[in-house]
Amino acid sequence: MKINRITLKNFRSIENESFLFNPNLTVLIGENGAGKTTILDALAFAMGTFFLGVDGISTYPISAADKRRVFVAPNSSEIQLPFRMDVEHNLQGLEYSWFRDTNKATGGSTSYKNAIDLIEKARVLTQKVRAGEEEDLPLLAYYGIGRASNMLYEKQRISKTKSRLDGYKNALDPRTMHQKASQWFKNAQTAVLQQIQDETLVQDSQLYTAFTNTLASMITDWESVQYNLKIDEVVGKFPDGSWTPLSYLSSGYKAIAALVMDIAYRAITLNPHWGEDAVVKTSGIVLIDEMDLYLHPKWQRTIVGDLKKAFPKIQFIVTTHSPFIVQSLKADELINLDGNVPAEEPDNLSLEDNAIFMGVENEYSDKFSKEEKIAYDYMKLLENEPDDLVFEQLEQLIDKTTDPVFKAKLQLERLAKFGK
């Protein structure tokens, strides 16, 4: 399932606008208040229409507060009607075009009779899955990395009786990150270690491989990954052979690891019949709000490419404030809600030009120059023989930055060079 176009009328601050989306990646940029999150929320509402055909799965609701208001007098505002959302998308080779609307000022209910073909398709897929047929299910999920302070972590145990439809639970709540992904990883690690030769284990082993390969490919410097049952935590192996718990890494690493684990968990839960290919063959839509938050600039340059490589059939629609991310894009992968259009492809522009284009040139240029100088001086010091003076100077350089990811990278360089 991939969304081609959405048209919004009287949704929050949007009077009447249409947005086209790249089938693989679309990045929304703009100043705060420009409507980036509004568009993601609208897309989540559209994706939730599919869940109207899946019993027991929550949709993405709207309320009267989501309908556009206009001030008709200094102290008086009125809801503008009708509220309407038109959506064009594809699913399993078929094209769908439908709308949902309402002329009521109160409540959040909308008509969905024009989306009945999609809802019926979801019902048919659900019935086939419950009958044991190997139908492909689309992955639909919404993540709000920027809302981490309000993040809700599910702690329910995974039932021994599995359902493929578990991959849809809380999928459209941007505050939710599944602890189920970690619990599934732990259970799969246990099963693989037990080496029980039965049909269930063969599939679990294949899915375990799909999960670990995906996570290791996304975490810089990790050659492999596993669940350490003794410390009850995800650990990764560095090139020097050492294993490090995920909790020891920076906020950026942990945020992306949680994101990747959740997407991979949903993919292998929804489509286990694909075995080791479950992650790379699962298609669908993933929304990510403020994906650059907590990420070091070096990782911001590669994160979208890494995600596309790890999940090649997923359509990613994300928001960012980072010129480093914009610099990695093609023109048809970018929607600028401020109305500016770059004269060249974003990936042909310098970092400074992209920062100017986004209106954040001073913040990013200064920070990048400062960290580049710190990194250069730090690496030069590592060429010396280790002694107290060298270690003191290394600590002084680390103290010059407040970026936890950057600090961790420098400390790992020292560890690799000096062993402490």
Protein backbone atom coordinates (compact mmCIF):
# COMPACT_ATOMS: atom_id res chain seq x y z
CA MET A 1 0.00 0.00 0.00
CA LYS A 2 1.36 3.40 -0.99
CA ILE A 3 -0.29 6.82 -0.97
CA ASN A 4 -0.01 8.83 -4.19
CA ARG A 5 -1.96 11.96 -3.30
CA ILE A 6 -3.98 13.46 -0.47
CA THR A 7 -6.20 16.54 -0.70
CA LEU A 8 -7.29 18.24 2.51
CA LYS A 9 -10.14 20.69 2.90
CA ASN A 10 -10.70 22.52 6.20
CA PHE A 11 -8.35 20.30 8.18
CA ARG A 12 -6.74 22.30 11.00
CA SER A 13 -4.81 25.17 9.38
CA ILE A 14 -5.23 23.85 5.83
CA GLU A 15 -8.03 25.44 3.80
CA ASN A 16 -7.72 23.43 0.59
CA GLU A 17 -4.44 21.87 -0.51
CA SER A 18 -3.25 18.79 -2.36
CA PHE A 19 0.02 16.92 -1.77
CA LEU A 20 1.75 14.40 -4.04
CA PHE A 21 4.03 11.75 -2.52
CA ASN A 22 7.03 9.90 -3.89
CA PRO A 23 6.38 6.13 -3.81
CA ASN A 24 9.57 5.52 -1.81
CA LEU A 25 10.37 8.61 0.25
CA THR A 26 8.90 12.05 0.89
CA VAL A 27 10.45 14.51 3.35
CA LEU A 28 8.35 17.42 4.61
CA ILE A 29 10.19 20.57 5.66
CA GLY A 30 9.06 23.98 6.87
CA GLU A 31 9.11 26.25 9.86
CA ASN A 32 7.35 25.26 13.07
CA GLY A 33 3.63 25.71 12.53
CA ALA A 34 3.90 25.25 8.76
CA GLY A 35 1.81 22.07 8.89
CA LYS A 36 4.31 19.20 8.75
CA THR A 37 2.76 17.22 11.61
CA THR A 38 -0.73 18.17 10.39
CA ILE A 39 -0.04 16.37 7.12
CA LEU A 40 1.30 13.29 8.91
CA ASP A 41 -1.78 13.22 11.15
CA ALA A 42 -4.01 13.48 8.07
CA LEU A 43 -2.14 10.59 6.45
CA ALA A 44 -2.55 8.54 9.63
CA PHE A 45 -6.29 9.21 9.51
CA ALA A 46 -6.33 8.06 5.88
CA MET A 47 -4.33 4.92 6.71
CA GLY A 48 -6.71 4.21 9.57
CA THR A 49 -9.52 3.79 7.04
CA PHE A 50 -7.96 0.42 6.17
CA PHE A 51 -8.35 -0.60 9.81
CA LEU A 52 -12.12 -0.07 9.59
CA GLY A 53 -12.06 -3.48 7.93
CA VAL A 54 -9.85 -5.13 10.58
CA ASP A 55 -11.71 -6.15 13.74
CA GLY A 56 -10.07 -5.21 17.03
CA ILE A 57 -7.60 -2.67 15.61
CA SER A 58 -7.81 1.02 16.50
CA THR A 59 -8.12 3.61 13.76
CA TYR A 60 -6.72 7.15 13.91
CA PRO A 61 -9.57 9.40 15.11
CA ILE A 62 -10.19 13.07 14.47
CA SER A 63 -12.25 15.47 16.55
CA ALA A 64 -14.08 18.75 16.18
CA ALA A 65 -10.80 20.45 17.11
CA ASP A 66 -9.26 19.17 13.86
CA LYS A 67 -11.75 21.14 11.75
CA ARG A 68 -10.47 24.49 10.53
CA ARG A 69 -11.59 27.60 12.39
CA VAL A 70 -11.66 31.15 11.07
CA PHE A 71 -11.93 34.27 13.22
CA VAL A 72 -15.03 36.15 12.07
CA ALA A 73 -14.67 38.72 14.84
CA PRO A 74 -11.89 39.56 17.34
CA ASN A 75 -13.27 37.17 19.94
CA SER A 76 -15.26 34.80 17.77
CA SER A 77 -14.19 31.91 15.53
CA GLU A 78 -16.31 29.55 13.46
CA ILE A 79 -15.67 26.02 12.20
CA GLN A 80 -15.41 25.89 8.41
CA LEU A 81 -17.32 23.15 6.62
CA PRO A 82 -17.31 20.78 4.91
CA PHE A 83 -14.32 18.88 6.24
CA ARG A 84 -13.14 16.58 3.46
CA MET A 85 -10.18 14.34 2.72
CA ASP A 86 -9.58 12.86 -0.75
CA VAL A 87 -7.06 10.02 -1.03
CA GLU A 88 -5.47 8.25 -3.98
CA HIS A 89 -3.37 5.15 -3.27
CA ASN A 90 -2.60 1.64 -4.43
CA LEU A 91 -2.82 -1.71 -2.69
CA GLN A 92 -1.68 -5.04 -4.13
CA GLY A 93 -1.62 -3.70 -7.68
CA LEU A 94 -5.04 -2.01 -7.54
CA GLU A 95 -5.64 1.74 -7.58
CA TYR A 96 -8.04 3.24 -5.04
CA SER A 97 -9.59 6.71 -4.96
CA TRP A 98 -12.01 7.71 -2.21
CA PHE A 99 -12.94 10.47 0.20
CA ARG A 100 -14.23 10.94 3.73
CA ASP A 101 -16.14 14.03 4.74
CA THR A 102 -18.61 15.62 7.14
CA ASN A 103 -20.84 18.69 7.26
CA LYS A 104 -21.20 18.48 11.04
CA ALA A 105 -19.38 20.93 13.28
CA THR A 106 -19.56 18.67 16.33
CA GLY A 107 -17.78 15.37 16.92
CA GLY A 108 -15.19 13.60 14.82
CA SER A 109 -17.25 11.09 12.85
CA THR A 110 -17.03 11.19 9.06
CA SER A 111 -18.74 9.31 6.27
CA TYR A 112 -16.75 6.44 4.79
CA LYS A 113 -19.19 5.03 2.25
CA ASN A 114 -16.93 6.22 -0.57
CA ALA A 115 -14.05 4.20 0.93
CA ILE A 116 -16.06 0.98 1.12
CA ASP A 117 -13.92 -0.75 -1.55
CA LEU A 118 -10.80 -0.32 0.59
CA ILE A 119 -12.60 -1.36 3.78
CA GLU A 120 -13.99 -4.46 2.06
CA LYS A 121 -10.50 -5.30 0.76
CA ALA A 122 -9.20 -5.14 4.34
CA ARG A 123 -12.03 -7.42 5.51
CA VAL A 124 -11.25 -9.99 2.81
CA LEU A 125 -7.53 -9.96 3.64
CA THR A 126 -8.32 -10.36 7.34
CA GLN A 127 -10.65 -13.30 6.70
CA LYS A 128 -8.03 -15.05 4.55
CA VAL A 129 -5.33 -14.53 7.18
CA ARG A 130 -7.58 -15.93 9.90
CA ALA A 131 -8.24 -18.92 7.67
CA GLY A 132 -4.50 -19.58 7.52
CA GLU A 133 -3.87 -18.35 3.97
CA GLU A 134 -0.52 -16.73 3.16
CA GLU A 135 -1.87 -13.36 2.06
CA ASP A 136 0.49 -10.38 2.17
CA LEU A 137 -0.56 -7.68 4.65
CA PRO A 138 0.52 -4.04 4.28
CA LEU A 139 2.55 -2.52 7.11
CA LEU A 140 1.04 0.77 8.34
CA ALA A 141 2.69 2.68 11.18
CA TYR A 142 3.18 6.18 12.61
CA TYR A 143 6.12 7.15 14.83
CA GLY A 144 6.71 10.39 16.68
CA ILE A 145 10.39 10.44 17.63
CA GLY A 146 9.96 14.09 18.55
CA ARG A 147 7.30 13.13 21.09
CA ALA A 148 9.67 10.86 23.01
CA SER A 149 8.96 12.58 26.31
CA ASN A 150 5.38 11.38 25.99
CA MET A 151 6.31 7.97 24.60
CA LEU A 152 4.20 5.06 25.77
CA TYR A 153 5.97 1.72 25.92
CA GLU A 154 3.80 -1.36 25.73
CA LYS A 155 4.75 -3.97 28.27
CA GLN A 156 2.25 -6.72 27.52
CA ARG A 157 3.66 -10.18 27.22
CA ILE A 158 3.48 -11.86 23.87
CA SER A 159 0.85 -14.57 23.94
CA LYS A 160 1.90 -18.07 23.03
CA THR A 161 -1.03 -17.96 20.62
CA LYS A 162 0.22 -15.65 17.88
CA SER A 163 -1.86 -13.62 15.46
CA ARG A 164 -0.49 -11.96 12.36
CA LEU A 165 -2.86 -9.08 13.05
CA ASP A 166 -0.86 -8.25 16.19
CA GLY A 167 1.35 -6.32 13.78
CA TYR A 168 -1.39 -3.68 13.60
CA LYS A 169 -1.84 -3.07 17.34
CA ASN A 170 -1.40 0.63 18.21
CA ALA A 171 0.27 1.11 14.82
CA LEU A 172 -1.08 4.64 14.35
CA ASP A 173 -0.38 6.04 17.82
CA PRO A 174 2.77 8.16 17.30
CA ARG A 175 3.51 8.06 21.04
CA THR A 176 3.68 4.28 21.16
CA MET A 177 6.82 2.21 20.70
CA HIS A 178 6.41 -1.52 21.09
CA GLN A 179 8.24 -3.26 23.90
CA LYS A 180 6.79 -6.27 22.11
CA ALA A 181 9.63 -6.00 19.60
CA SER A 182 12.21 -6.55 22.36
CA GLN A 183 10.14 -9.31 23.93
CA TRP A 184 9.77 -11.06 20.57
CA PHE A 185 13.55 -10.75 20.03
CA LYS A 186 14.19 -12.30 23.45
CA ASN A 187 11.83 -15.21 22.77
CA ALA A 188 13.33 -15.81 19.33
CA GLN A 189 16.87 -15.77 20.77
CA THR A 190 15.84 -18.37 23.34
CA ALA A 191 14.25 -20.60 20.70
CA VAL A 192 17.28 -20.41 18.41
CA LEU A 193 19.65 -21.28 21.25
CA GLN A 194 17.53 -24.28 22.22
CA GLN A 195 17.84 -25.58 18.65
CA ILE A 196 14.58 -27.50 18.78
CA GLN A 197 14.14 -29.08 15.37
CA ASP A 198 10.53 -28.47 14.52
CA GLU A 199 8.64 -26.53 11.87
CA THR A 200 7.88 -23.62 14.20
CA LEU A 201 11.55 -23.14 15.07
CA VAL A 202 12.62 -23.19 11.43
CA GLN A 203 10.35 -20.24 10.72
CA ASP A 204 11.30 -18.50 13.99
CA SER A 205 14.98 -18.89 13.10
CA GLN A 206 14.41 -17.35 9.67
CA LEU A 207 12.49 -14.44 11.16
CA TYR A 208 15.18 -14.03 13.83
CA THR A 209 17.77 -13.72 11.06
CA ALA A 210 15.64 -11.14 9.24
CA PHE A 211 15.26 -9.13 12.45
CA THR A 212 18.93 -9.18 13.48
CA ASN A 213 20.24 -8.43 9.99
CA THR A 214 17.97 -5.40 9.74
CA LEU A 215 18.94 -4.00 13.13
CA ALA A 216 22.67 -4.57 12.60
CA SER A 217 22.51 -2.84 9.21
CA MET A 218 21.08 0.31 10.77
CA ILE A 219 23.36 0.74 13.80
CA THR A 220 26.68 2.25 12.76
CA ASP A 221 29.71 0.17 13.79
CA TRP A 222 27.66 -2.88 14.85
CA GLU A 223 28.71 -5.95 12.91
CA SER A 224 26.05 -8.18 14.44
CA VAL A 225 23.36 -8.08 17.10
CA GLN A 226 21.71 -10.49 19.52
CA TYR A 227 19.61 -10.56 22.66
CA ASN A 228 21.77 -11.23 25.74
CA LEU A 229 19.62 -13.37 28.02
CA LYS A 230 21.92 -12.91 31.03
CA ILE A 231 21.56 -9.13 31.16
CA ASP A 232 18.12 -9.18 29.49
CA GLU A 233 19.06 -6.63 26.84
CA VAL A 234 19.86 -6.12 23.16
CA VAL A 235 23.63 -6.07 22.55
CA GLY A 236 25.74 -5.33 19.48
CA LYS A 237 29.19 -6.47 18.40
CA PHE A 238 31.80 -3.86 17.45
CA PRO A 239 34.61 -4.52 14.93
CA ASP A 240 37.09 -5.07 17.79
CA GLY A 241 35.01 -8.04 18.97
CA SER A 242 33.52 -6.35 22.03
CA TRP A 243 29.79 -6.51 22.78
CA THR A 244 27.97 -3.39 24.00
CA PRO A 245 24.42 -3.13 25.40
CA LEU A 246 22.09 -0.87 23.46
CA SER A 247 21.40 1.08 26.67
CA TYR A 248 25.04 2.24 26.71
CA LEU A 249 24.65 4.05 23.40
CA SER A 250 23.45 7.60 22.83
CA SER A 251 19.85 8.79 22.62
CA GLY A 252 20.11 8.89 18.84
CA TYR A 253 21.19 5.28 18.55
CA LYS A 254 18.50 4.15 20.98
CA ALA A 255 15.76 6.11 19.20
CA ILE A 256 16.64 4.68 15.79
CA ALA A 257 17.12 1.17 17.21
CA ALA A 258 13.65 1.30 18.80
CA LEU A 259 12.18 2.55 15.51
CA VAL A 260 13.90 -0.11 13.40
CA MET A 261 13.04 -2.92 15.82
CA ASP A 262 9.40 -1.89 15.82
CA ILE A 263 9.14 -1.72 12.02
CA ALA A 264 10.95 -5.05 11.65
CA TYR A 265 8.78 -6.66 14.34
CA ARG A 266 5.61 -5.53 12.59
CA ALA A 267 6.88 -6.74 9.21
CA ILE A 268 7.72 -10.26 10.42
CA THR A 269 4.52 -10.47 12.47
CA LEU A 270 2.31 -9.43 9.55
CA ASN A 271 4.09 -11.55 6.92
CA PRO A 272 5.92 -14.47 8.57
CA HIS A 273 5.47 -16.64 5.48
CA TRP A 274 8.29 -14.68 3.82
CA GLY A 275 10.81 -16.09 6.32
CA GLU A 276 14.21 -14.37 6.07
CA ASP A 277 12.77 -12.01 3.43
CA ALA A 278 9.88 -10.81 5.63
CA VAL A 279 11.44 -7.39 6.23
CA VAL A 280 12.58 -6.67 2.68
CA LYS A 281 9.41 -7.99 1.00
CA THR A 282 6.83 -6.32 3.25
CA SER A 283 5.32 -3.22 1.67
CA GLY A 284 3.41 -0.41 3.32
CA ILE A 285 3.61 3.12 4.69
CA VAL A 286 5.63 4.44 7.63
CA LEU A 287 5.22 7.99 8.95
CA ILE A 288 8.00 9.50 11.12
CA ASP A 289 7.75 12.89 12.81
CA GLU A 290 11.05 14.73 13.48
CA MET A 291 13.28 11.86 12.44
CA ASP A 292 16.47 13.91 12.86
CA LEU A 293 15.95 14.45 16.59
CA TYR A 294 18.89 13.19 18.68
CA LEU A 295 20.89 12.20 15.58
CA HIS A 296 24.47 13.33 15.04
CA PRO A 297 24.95 15.24 11.74
CA LYS A 298 27.02 12.36 10.33
CA TRP A 299 24.06 9.99 10.71
CA GLN A 300 21.58 12.60 9.49
CA ARG A 301 23.38 12.49 6.13
CA THR A 302 22.73 8.77 5.67
CA ILE A 303 19.61 7.92 7.69
CA VAL A 304 17.06 8.13 4.85
CA GLY A 305 19.25 6.05 2.56
CA ASP A 306 19.78 3.50 5.32
CA LEU A 307 16.03 3.22 5.93
CA LYS A 308 15.26 2.79 2.22
CA LYS A 309 17.88 0.06 1.98
CA ALA A 310 16.68 -1.76 5.11
CA PHE A 311 12.99 -1.55 4.13
CA PRO A 312 13.00 -1.34 0.31
CA LYS A 313 9.24 -1.77 -0.19
CA ILE A 314 8.13 0.70 2.49
CA GLN A 315 6.99 4.21 1.58
CA PHE A 316 8.50 6.60 4.14
CA ILE A 317 6.90 10.00 4.71
CA VAL A 318 8.83 11.99 7.31
CA THR A 319 9.38 15.48 8.71
CA THR A 320 12.71 17.12 9.50
CA HIS A 321 14.49 20.38 10.30
CA SER A 322 17.87 19.02 9.19
CA PRO A 323 19.71 20.40 6.13
CA PHE A 324 21.92 17.30 6.33
CA ILE A 325 18.89 15.13 5.54
CA VAL A 326 17.69 17.51 2.83
CA GLN A 327 21.13 17.38 1.23
CA SER A 328 20.69 13.62 0.68
CA LEU A 329 17.42 14.01 -1.27
CA LYS A 330 16.24 14.29 -4.86
CA ALA A 331 13.85 17.13 -5.73
CA ASP A 332 10.85 14.79 -6.04
CA GLU A 333 11.47 13.52 -2.50
CA LEU A 334 10.97 16.95 -0.93
CA ILE A 335 7.90 18.99 -0.01
CA ASN A 336 8.71 22.46 1.32
CA LEU A 337 5.69 23.89 3.12
CA ASP A 338 7.30 27.34 3.23
CA GLY A 339 6.93 27.53 -0.54
CA ASN A 340 10.64 27.82 -1.40
CA VAL A 341 11.92 25.70 -4.26
CA PRO A 342 15.67 25.01 -4.62
CA ALA A 343 17.19 26.01 -7.94
CA GLU A 344 19.02 22.68 -8.09
CA GLU A 345 18.53 19.15 -6.83
CA PRO A 346 18.99 19.28 -3.02
CA ASP A 347 21.73 16.63 -3.19
CA ASN A 348 23.70 18.90 -5.55
CA LEU A 349 23.62 21.83 -3.11
CA SER A 350 26.21 22.42 -0.43
CA LEU A 351 25.27 21.99 3.21
CA GLU A 352 25.40 25.76 3.62
CA ASP A 353 23.10 26.33 0.62
CA ASN A 354 20.61 23.80 1.96
CA ALA A 355 20.75 25.42 5.38
CA ILE A 356 20.09 28.84 3.83
CA PHE A 357 17.26 27.34 1.77
CA MET A 358 15.72 26.05 5.03
CA GLY A 359 16.46 29.21 7.00
CA VAL A 360 18.73 27.57 9.58
CA GLU A 361 22.15 28.39 8.12
CA ASN A 362 23.79 29.87 11.21
CA GLU A 363 22.72 27.13 13.61
CA TYR A 364 23.95 24.26 11.47
CA SER A 365 27.00 25.85 9.83
CA ASP A 366 28.44 26.99 13.15
CA LYS A 367 27.74 23.70 14.91
CA PHE A 368 29.18 21.64 12.08
CA SER A 369 32.35 23.76 11.87
CA LYS A 370 32.87 23.52 15.62
CA GLU A 371 32.44 19.74 15.71
CA GLU A 372 34.63 19.28 12.65
CA LYS A 373 37.45 21.19 14.43
CA ILE A 374 36.98 19.15 17.63
CA ALA A 375 37.06 15.87 15.69
CA TYR A 376 40.22 16.90 13.80
CA ASP A 377 42.07 17.89 16.99
CA TYR A 378 40.88 14.72 18.75
CA MET A 379 42.11 12.42 15.98
CA LYS A 380 45.48 14.19 15.90
CA LEU A 381 45.87 13.57 19.65
CA LEU A 382 45.15 9.88 19.15
CA GLU A 383 48.31 9.66 17.04
CA ASN A 384 50.41 10.29 20.17
CA GLU A 385 51.59 7.77 22.74
CA PRO A 386 49.05 7.49 25.57
CA ASP A 387 49.96 9.34 28.76
CA ASP A 388 48.21 11.42 31.40
CA LEU A 389 48.62 14.65 29.43
CA VAL A 390 47.12 13.15 26.27
CA PHE A 391 44.15 11.74 28.20
CA GLU A 392 43.61 15.12 29.88
CA GLN A 393 43.62 16.90 26.52
CA LEU A 394 41.21 14.33 25.07
CA GLU A 395 38.80 14.93 27.95
CA GLN A 396 39.04 18.69 27.45
CA LEU A 397 38.06 18.31 23.80
CA ILE A 398 35.11 16.05 24.65
CA ASP A 399 33.91 18.63 27.18
CA LYS A 400 33.64 21.20 24.37
CA THR A 401 30.58 19.48 22.89
CA THR A 402 27.17 18.80 24.42
CA ASP A 403 26.12 16.37 21.67
CA PRO A 404 25.86 12.91 23.33
CA VAL A 405 26.22 11.03 20.03
CA PHE A 406 29.32 12.99 19.06
CA LYS A 407 30.82 12.40 22.51
CA ALA A 408 30.15 8.66 22.30
CA LYS A 409 31.80 8.44 18.88
CA LEU A 410 34.94 10.19 20.14
CA GLN A 411 35.09 7.97 23.22
CA LEU A 412 34.78 4.86 21.05
CA GLU A 413 37.66 6.10 18.87
CA ARG A 414 39.82 6.46 22.00
CA LEU A 415 38.78 3.01 23.23
CA ALA A 416 39.68 1.44 19.89
CA LYS A 417 43.06 3.20 19.85
CA PHE A 418 44.19 2.98 23.48
CA GLY A 419 41.97 0.28 24.96
CA LYS A 420 40.60 2.61 27.64
